[in-house]
Protein backbone atom coordinates (compact mmCIF):
# COMPACT_ATOMS: atom_id res chain seq x y z
CA MET A 1 220.96 -1.51 95.19
CA ASN A 2 223.59 -3.35 93.18
CA LYS A 3 226.85 -3.39 95.15
CA ASN A 4 228.75 -2.65 91.90
CA SER A 5 226.74 0.45 91.02
CA GLN A 6 227.95 3.88 92.02
CA PRO A 7 225.67 5.68 94.43
CA ARG A 8 223.97 8.78 93.02
CA LEU A 9 222.13 11.42 95.01
CA GLY A 10 219.11 13.48 94.01
CA VAL A 11 218.11 16.53 96.06
CA ASP A 12 214.94 18.59 95.76
CA PHE A 13 215.31 22.38 95.82
CA GLY A 14 212.12 23.87 97.26
CA ARG A 15 211.58 23.19 100.98
CA VAL A 16 214.82 21.18 101.06
CA ILE A 17 217.81 23.24 99.84
CA HIS A 18 215.79 26.41 100.19
CA GLY A 19 212.64 27.42 102.06
CA ALA A 20 212.16 24.59 104.54
CA ALA A 21 210.02 25.37 107.57
CA ALA A 22 211.94 26.80 110.48
CA ALA A 23 211.91 25.12 113.88
CA ASP A 24 208.86 27.23 114.75
CA GLY A 25 207.00 25.70 111.78
CA LEU A 26 206.88 28.93 109.77
CA GLN A 27 207.86 28.80 106.12
CA ASP A 28 209.60 31.51 104.15
CA THR A 29 207.33 32.23 101.17
CA VAL A 30 209.26 35.21 99.79
CA PHE A 31 210.87 33.00 97.12
CA LEU A 32 207.44 32.31 95.64
CA ASP A 33 205.56 35.51 96.47
CA GLY A 34 208.19 38.24 96.84
CA SER A 35 210.06 40.27 94.29
CA PHE A 36 212.88 38.77 92.26
CA ASP A 37 215.45 40.57 94.43
CA GLU A 38 213.78 39.33 97.62
CA ALA A 39 213.83 35.78 96.25
CA LEU A 40 217.54 36.03 95.48
CA ALA A 41 218.30 37.38 98.95
CA SER A 42 216.35 34.64 100.75
CA PRO A 43 218.54 32.18 102.65
CA ALA A 44 219.22 28.50 102.18
CA THR A 45 217.64 26.01 104.56
CA ALA A 46 219.66 25.80 107.77
CA GLY A 47 222.50 23.32 107.36
CA ALA A 48 222.23 22.88 103.59
CA PHE A 49 225.54 24.58 102.78
CA ASP A 50 227.25 22.72 105.61
CA VAL A 51 226.07 19.21 104.73
CA LEU A 52 225.84 19.25 100.93
CA PRO A 53 229.60 19.57 100.30
CA ARG A 54 230.22 16.50 102.47
CA LEU A 55 227.52 14.55 100.64
CA VAL A 56 228.93 15.63 97.27
CA ASP A 57 232.31 14.25 98.41
CA ALA A 58 230.72 11.03 99.68
CA PHE A 59 228.97 10.54 96.31
CA GLY A 60 232.08 11.39 94.28
CA GLY A 61 230.31 14.40 92.75
CA ARG A 62 227.36 12.31 91.52
CA VAL A 63 224.71 14.67 92.92
CA TRP A 64 221.80 16.32 91.07
CA VAL A 65 219.25 18.94 92.03
CA ILE A 66 215.86 17.69 90.79
CA SER A 67 213.06 20.21 91.13
CA LYS A 68 209.40 20.50 90.14
CA CYS A 69 208.38 24.03 89.20
CA GLY A 70 207.02 26.25 86.46
CA PRO A 71 209.09 28.56 84.25
CA ARG A 72 208.98 31.56 86.64
CA ILE A 73 210.24 29.59 89.63
CA GLN A 74 212.77 27.74 87.46
CA GLU A 75 214.25 31.10 86.49
CA ARG A 76 214.35 32.17 90.14
CA THR A 77 215.90 28.87 91.19
CA LEU A 78 218.73 29.10 88.66
CA ALA A 79 219.35 32.74 89.60
CA TRP A 80 219.33 31.85 93.32
CA LEU A 81 221.82 29.02 92.78
CA ASP A 82 224.19 31.45 91.00
CA HIS A 83 223.61 34.30 93.46
CA HIS A 84 224.51 32.08 96.43
CA ASP A 85 227.48 30.45 94.63
CA PHE A 86 225.73 27.12 95.15
CA TYR A 87 227.99 25.22 92.75
CA GLY A 88 231.22 26.60 94.25
CA ARG A 89 230.06 26.17 97.85
CA THR A 90 228.67 22.64 97.46
CA GLY A 91 230.64 21.07 94.63
CA VAL A 92 227.44 20.10 92.77
CA PRO A 93 228.33 20.39 89.07
CA ARG A 94 226.57 23.28 87.33
CA GLY A 95 225.12 20.92 84.72
CA ASN A 96 223.51 18.71 87.36
CA VAL A 97 220.23 20.60 87.74
CA ARG A 98 217.01 19.13 86.34
CA PHE A 99 213.48 20.53 86.25
CA CYS A 100 210.09 19.02 85.59
CA ARG A 101 206.53 20.33 85.67
CA LYS A 102 204.91 17.50 87.69
CA ARG A 103 206.19 15.89 90.89
CA ALA A 104 205.72 12.38 89.52
CA ASP A 105 208.02 13.30 86.62
CA LYS A 106 210.94 13.29 89.05
CA ALA A 107 210.81 9.50 88.71
CA GLY A 108 211.85 9.78 85.06
CA HIS A 109 214.82 11.98 85.95
CA CYS A 110 215.83 9.58 88.72
CA ALA A 111 215.63 6.60 86.37
CA ARG A 112 217.69 8.28 83.61
CA LEU A 113 220.29 9.49 86.12
CA ARG A 114 220.30 6.15 87.99
CA ILE A 115 219.65 7.93 91.31
CA THR A 116 220.09 5.60 94.29
CA HIS A 117 219.35 8.10 97.09
CA MET A 118 216.73 10.88 96.96
CA ILE A 119 216.00 13.72 99.40
CA ASP A 120 212.57 15.33 98.94
CA ASP A 121 209.95 16.88 101.19
CA ARG A 122 206.92 15.45 99.37
CA ILE A 123 205.56 11.99 100.09
CA ASP A 124 203.97 11.80 96.62
CA VAL A 125 207.42 12.15 95.06
CA HIS A 126 208.75 9.31 97.20
CA ARG A 127 205.70 7.20 96.35
CA ALA A 128 206.59 7.59 92.65
CA LEU A 129 210.17 6.45 93.44
CA VAL A 130 209.40 3.35 95.53
CA ASP A 131 210.30 0.89 92.75
CA SER A 132 213.28 2.78 91.32
CA VAL A 133 215.19 4.58 94.09
CA PRO A 134 216.22 2.30 96.95
CA CYS A 135 217.09 4.98 99.54
CA ARG A 136 214.45 7.69 100.08
CA TYR A 137 214.60 10.52 102.64
CA LEU A 138 211.49 12.53 103.48
CA PHE A 139 212.84 15.92 104.50
CA GLY A 140 211.51 18.42 107.01
CA ARG A 141 208.41 18.84 109.11
CA GLN A 142 205.55 16.56 108.09
CA GLU A 143 201.99 16.05 109.18
CA GLY A 144 201.46 12.54 110.49
CA ALA A 145 203.83 9.63 110.63
CA PRO A 146 205.63 8.77 107.40
CA PRO A 147 205.24 5.30 105.85
CA GLU A 148 207.83 2.62 106.61
CA TRP A 149 209.26 2.74 103.08
CA VAL A 150 210.77 6.23 103.54
CA ARG A 151 213.13 7.61 106.20
CA HIS A 152 212.00 10.82 107.83
CA THR A 153 214.86 13.30 108.18
CA LEU A 154 213.84 16.50 109.93
CA THR A 155 217.07 18.48 109.46
CA TRP A 156 220.13 18.50 107.23
CA ALA A 157 222.12 16.90 110.07
CA ASP A 158 219.56 14.06 110.12
CA VAL A 159 219.87 13.70 106.34
CA GLU A 160 223.63 13.45 106.56
CA ASP A 161 223.50 10.78 109.27
CA ALA A 162 220.91 8.72 107.37
CA VAL A 163 222.55 8.97 103.96
CA ILE A 164 226.05 8.18 105.25
CA ALA A 165 224.67 5.19 107.19
CA ASP A 166 223.03 3.91 103.98
CA LEU A 167 226.19 4.29 101.90
């Protein structure tokens, strides 16, 4: 990363901000499979609302939510963000939410936004970012050991420690 460039953070929504597996390994699928009201009422991933405001401060507000989903889940995501006062509670600007239909398309968003740090739970997303995003954090429970070119961060506290250390 160029020392003169401003750091910029990208954060996935599904299974990162919302819906990550609990310590017991169980995932909350109500956001995908439940009613609209059940999806809105579903909680954030433990620690997300504690850590994100500090990361937004550390990045000077240069933080984007970058999510892969279809139209139905995009609608639910935007409604969930409003329902939980995500923008007010985290400081992420309302206009800093991007969607794409394929995981690999996150690379295009990251390139256009000049993302330097990315938090995502999918190794295929990080694989697409290897040449463009210098700091990559694989979030949550994973099967098998992650490759050397990504940092595994199990919890939001782990993410905060890793990201701050890399800044």
